[in-house]
Protein backbone atom coordinates (compact mmCIF):
# COMPACT_ATOMS: atom_id res chain seq x y z
CA MET A 1 30.12 22.65 52.39
CA ASP A 2 33.87 22.74 51.71
CA ILE A 3 33.14 22.40 47.97
CA PHE A 4 29.68 24.12 47.81
CA VAL A 5 30.66 27.53 49.20
CA PRO A 6 33.80 28.06 46.94
CA LEU A 7 31.72 26.80 43.92
CA LEU A 8 28.87 29.15 44.85
CA ASN A 9 31.23 32.13 45.18
CA GLN A 10 32.87 31.40 41.94
CA MET A 11 29.60 30.93 40.05
CA LEU A 12 28.38 34.25 41.53
CA CYS A 13 31.56 35.95 40.20
CA LEU A 14 30.92 34.53 36.73
CA PHE A 15 27.29 35.53 36.73
CA LEU A 16 28.19 39.09 37.85
CA LEU A 17 30.49 39.36 34.84
CA ILE A 18 27.67 38.14 32.60
CA ALA A 19 25.50 40.90 34.20
CA VAL A 20 28.18 43.44 33.28
CA GLY A 21 28.18 42.28 29.62
CA PHE A 22 24.41 42.33 29.53
CA ILE A 23 24.28 45.89 30.82
CA LEU A 24 26.98 46.98 28.36
CA ALA A 25 25.07 45.62 25.34
CA LYS A 26 21.54 46.31 26.51
CA TRP A 27 22.12 50.00 27.03
CA ASN A 28 24.48 50.39 24.09
CA PHE A 29 27.55 51.34 25.99
CA VAL A 30 29.67 49.35 23.43
CA PRO A 31 29.52 49.31 19.55
CA ASP A 32 27.27 46.87 17.80
CA ASN A 33 30.14 44.72 16.50
CA SER A 34 31.77 44.33 19.95
CA GLU A 35 30.66 40.72 20.34
CA ARG A 36 32.24 39.73 17.03
CA VAL A 37 35.55 41.52 17.94
CA LEU A 38 35.68 39.89 21.44
CA SER A 39 34.79 36.53 19.95
CA LYS A 40 37.66 36.68 17.59
CA LEU A 41 40.02 37.84 20.44
CA GLU A 42 38.92 34.79 22.43
CA ASN A 43 39.34 32.34 19.54
CA LEU A 44 42.59 33.75 18.15
CA VAL A 45 44.50 34.64 21.37
CA LEU A 46 42.98 33.91 24.76
CA VAL A 47 41.69 30.34 24.29
CA PRO A 48 44.87 29.24 22.54
CA ALA A 49 46.93 30.83 25.32
CA LEU A 50 44.90 29.07 27.98
CA VAL A 51 45.30 25.74 26.35
CA MET A 52 48.95 26.21 25.55
CA GLY A 53 49.73 27.18 29.17
CA THR A 54 47.77 24.24 30.43
CA PHE A 55 49.72 21.76 28.26
CA ILE A 56 53.05 23.39 29.05
CA ASN A 57 52.44 22.96 32.77
CA ASN A 58 50.78 19.52 32.77
CA CYS A 59 51.67 17.57 29.65
CA THR A 60 54.25 14.93 30.55
CA ILE A 61 54.82 11.22 29.53
CA GLU A 62 53.32 10.17 32.84
CA THR A 63 50.07 12.16 32.41
CA LEU A 64 49.60 11.28 28.73
CA SER A 65 49.88 7.58 29.49
CA SER A 66 46.72 7.72 31.59
CA MET A 67 44.77 10.07 29.29
CA TRP A 68 43.55 7.52 26.89
CA LYS A 69 40.59 6.65 29.10
CA LEU A 70 39.40 10.28 29.01
CA LEU A 71 39.66 10.25 25.23
CA VAL A 72 37.59 7.07 25.03
CA LEU A 73 35.03 8.55 27.42
CA GLY A 74 34.93 11.81 25.36
CA PHE A 75 34.24 9.95 22.08
CA GLY A 76 31.73 7.77 23.79
CA MET A 77 29.90 10.85 25.08
CA VAL A 78 29.90 12.54 21.71
CA PHE A 79 28.53 9.46 19.88
CA LEU A 80 25.82 9.16 22.55
CA LEU A 81 24.83 12.85 22.37
CA ILE A 82 24.65 13.11 18.53
CA PRO A 83 21.59 10.76 17.96
CA ILE A 84 19.84 12.19 21.05
CA SER A 85 20.41 15.68 19.82
CA PHE A 86 19.26 14.81 16.31
CA LEU A 87 16.09 13.28 17.58
CA SER A 88 15.23 16.09 19.98
CA ALA A 89 15.83 18.70 17.29
CA LYS A 90 13.70 16.81 14.83
CA ILE A 91 10.78 16.72 17.32
CA CYS A 92 11.08 20.40 18.15
CA PHE A 93 11.69 22.04 14.79
CA LYS A 94 10.19 21.57 11.32
CA GLU A 95 12.62 23.91 9.57
CA ASP A 96 15.77 22.23 8.39
CA TYR A 97 18.14 25.09 9.31
CA LEU A 98 16.70 25.32 12.89
CA ARG A 99 16.99 21.61 13.22
CA LYS A 100 20.68 21.76 12.42
CA ILE A 101 21.30 24.65 14.80
CA ALA A 102 19.45 22.78 17.65
CA THR A 103 21.38 19.57 16.91
CA TYR A 104 24.70 21.41 17.00
CA GLY A 105 23.82 23.17 20.26
CA LEU A 106 22.64 19.98 21.93
CA ALA A 107 25.48 17.73 20.76
CA PHE A 108 28.31 19.98 21.59
CA SER A 109 26.91 22.35 24.18
CA ASN A 110 29.11 25.24 25.29
CA PHE A 111 32.14 23.42 26.50
CA ALA A 112 34.51 26.03 25.07
CA PHE A 113 33.78 29.59 26.36
CA MET A 114 31.46 28.63 29.18
CA GLY A 115 33.05 25.25 29.93
CA ASN A 116 36.57 26.55 29.95
CA ALA A 117 35.63 29.51 32.07
CA ILE A 118 33.92 27.44 34.75
CA MET A 119 36.44 24.61 34.82
CA SER A 120 39.54 26.74 34.91
CA ALA A 121 38.03 28.91 37.63
CA VAL A 122 36.28 26.38 39.80
CA PHE A 123 38.33 23.20 39.19
CA PRO A 124 41.78 24.40 38.04
CA ASN A 125 43.44 21.22 39.32
CA ILE A 126 41.67 19.07 36.72
CA PHE A 127 41.46 21.62 33.86
CA PHE A 128 44.15 19.61 31.95
CA GLU A 129 42.02 16.47 32.12
CA TYR A 130 38.97 18.44 31.09
CA THR A 131 40.90 19.73 28.03
CA VAL A 132 41.82 16.18 27.04
CA PHE A 133 38.29 15.05 27.59
CA THR A 134 36.87 17.72 25.25
CA LEU A 135 39.30 16.93 22.34
CA PRO A 136 36.87 14.43 20.80
CA PHE A 137 34.19 17.20 20.87
CA TRP A 138 36.54 19.54 19.01
CA PHE A 139 37.42 16.76 16.50
CA MET A 140 33.71 16.08 15.74
CA ILE A 141 32.97 19.89 15.60
CA TYR A 142 35.62 20.53 12.91
CA LEU A 143 34.93 17.22 10.95
CA TRP A 144 31.11 17.21 11.13
CA GLY A 145 29.44 19.74 13.42
CA ALA A 146 30.48 23.07 11.87
CA PRO A 147 30.74 22.07 8.22
CA VAL A 148 27.58 19.93 8.02
CA LEU A 149 25.23 21.66 10.55
CA LEU A 150 26.37 25.28 10.45
CA ILE A 151 28.22 26.14 7.25
CA SER A 152 26.23 23.93 4.88
CA GLY A 153 23.04 25.07 6.63
CA SER A 154 23.82 28.71 5.95
CA ASN A 155 24.87 28.12 2.34
CA ASN A 156 21.56 26.69 1.06
CA GLY A 157 22.56 23.07 1.81
CA GLU A 158 25.81 23.25 -0.12
CA LYS A 159 28.06 20.39 1.04
CA VAL A 160 31.58 21.13 2.36
CA ALA A 161 34.38 18.94 0.90
CA LEU A 162 36.35 16.63 3.18
CA LYS A 163 39.52 18.46 2.17
CA GLN A 164 38.03 21.75 3.34
CA ARG A 165 36.92 20.17 6.60
CA MET A 166 40.45 18.91 7.28
CA LYS A 167 41.86 22.39 6.78
CA SER A 168 39.65 23.56 9.72
CA PHE A 169 41.90 21.55 12.04
CA VAL A 170 44.67 24.08 11.41
CA ASN A 171 43.46 26.67 13.86
CA PRO A 172 44.92 28.69 16.75
CA MET A 173 43.52 26.48 19.48
CA PHE A 174 45.04 23.27 18.01
CA ILE A 175 48.28 24.97 17.19
CA GLY A 176 48.54 26.34 20.67
CA MET A 177 47.77 22.82 22.09
CA LEU A 178 50.52 21.18 19.92
CA ILE A 179 53.07 23.83 20.91
CA GLY A 180 52.22 23.40 24.57
CA MET A 181 52.41 19.63 24.23
CA VAL A 182 55.89 19.75 22.65
CA ILE A 183 57.13 22.17 25.23
CA GLY A 184 55.64 20.13 28.09
CA LEU A 185 57.00 16.78 26.86
CA THR A 186 60.44 18.10 26.18
CA GLY A 187 60.66 20.05 29.52
CA LEU A 188 61.86 23.15 27.68
CA LYS A 189 62.20 26.04 30.01
CA LEU A 190 60.80 29.30 28.51
CA PRO A 191 61.86 32.78 29.68
CA THR A 192 59.66 34.10 32.52
CA GLY A 193 58.45 36.97 30.32
CA ILE A 194 57.07 34.46 27.74
CA THR A 195 55.32 32.22 30.25
CA GLY A 196 53.99 35.29 32.00
CA ALA A 197 52.41 36.52 28.71
CA ILE A 198 50.93 33.11 27.96
CA ASN A 199 49.50 32.67 31.45
CA GLY A 200 48.29 36.29 31.53
CA ALA A 201 46.43 35.93 28.25
CA GLY A 202 44.98 32.67 29.39
CA ALA A 203 43.75 34.17 32.58
CA CYS A 204 41.75 36.79 30.60
CA MET A 205 39.81 34.06 28.88
CA SER A 206 37.27 33.32 31.64
CA PRO A 207 36.21 36.85 32.62
CA LEU A 208 36.07 38.00 28.99
CA ALA A 209 34.06 34.96 27.99
CA MET A 210 31.52 35.75 30.66
CA ILE A 211 31.27 39.46 29.63
CA LEU A 212 30.87 38.24 26.01
CA THR A 213 28.05 35.86 27.04
CA GLY A 214 26.23 38.69 28.78
CA MET A 215 26.64 40.86 25.76
CA THR A 216 25.25 38.22 23.49
CA ILE A 217 22.25 37.81 25.78
CA GLY A 218 21.86 41.60 25.96
CA ARG A 219 21.38 41.79 22.13
CA THR A 220 18.70 39.09 22.27
CA ASP A 221 14.95 39.60 22.74
CA VAL A 222 14.79 37.49 25.88
CA VAL A 223 10.99 38.01 26.33
CA ALA A 224 10.29 36.72 22.88
CA LEU A 225 12.41 33.69 23.47
CA LEU A 226 10.61 32.85 26.70
CA LYS A 227 7.34 32.68 24.77
CA LYS A 228 8.60 29.90 22.47
CA SER A 229 7.59 26.57 24.01
CA ARG A 230 10.06 24.54 22.01
CA ILE A 231 12.92 26.37 23.68
CA TYR A 232 12.02 24.77 27.05
CA TRP A 233 12.20 21.29 25.60
CA ILE A 234 15.56 21.89 23.97
CA SER A 235 16.85 23.65 27.08
CA GLY A 236 15.75 20.81 29.34
CA VAL A 237 17.50 18.21 27.12
CA LYS A 238 20.57 20.41 26.96
CA LEU A 239 20.79 20.80 30.74
CA LEU A 240 20.45 16.98 31.17
């Protein structure tokens, strides 16, 4: 009960924020492009700030020396999920593009917006470990997931060159992580105003991500989705 009640309360808070986003989108209280704007804000500012602040506060020689096990576990999980996801998507969908979308969703799940929001809110003491654990997922997303399953799928099968894939690693999240790692390892003391801005922006990530999730659901024909039997199989595998 010591864990269940706080977890239940936090999950209730997150789902209430999802409900707020759902209402905003469903009843057109916000413009049609709001999800795209908020998504860019999350990716360009809030997620990098959250990751940067986490590494600034937790990244030391002592912690890094024991993180290799989490990296190995993360890579093992990724390479286990990829064939399972590919097989499940192949069973459920005949269309190549839908197969790729399903494979991506199953292999990588939503460990970023949803995962970061839940872990930072419910388990803040191990959020640094969670961030390290998900690094292999990010690595495979930028190297294979996004360019092969998403980008090439939307560009009539056109392959993305390896050089172009490597450029995708230069992004705000990884830059924020590297900056946080350097500051954490060197023990550099930043002015209170700077750390306050970083931590404040990072704290906005979870509630905004939940509102964004609700808005995305609000733009979707949920009733039509519930009538598609293949969705239940994919959702069941995803939950497992």
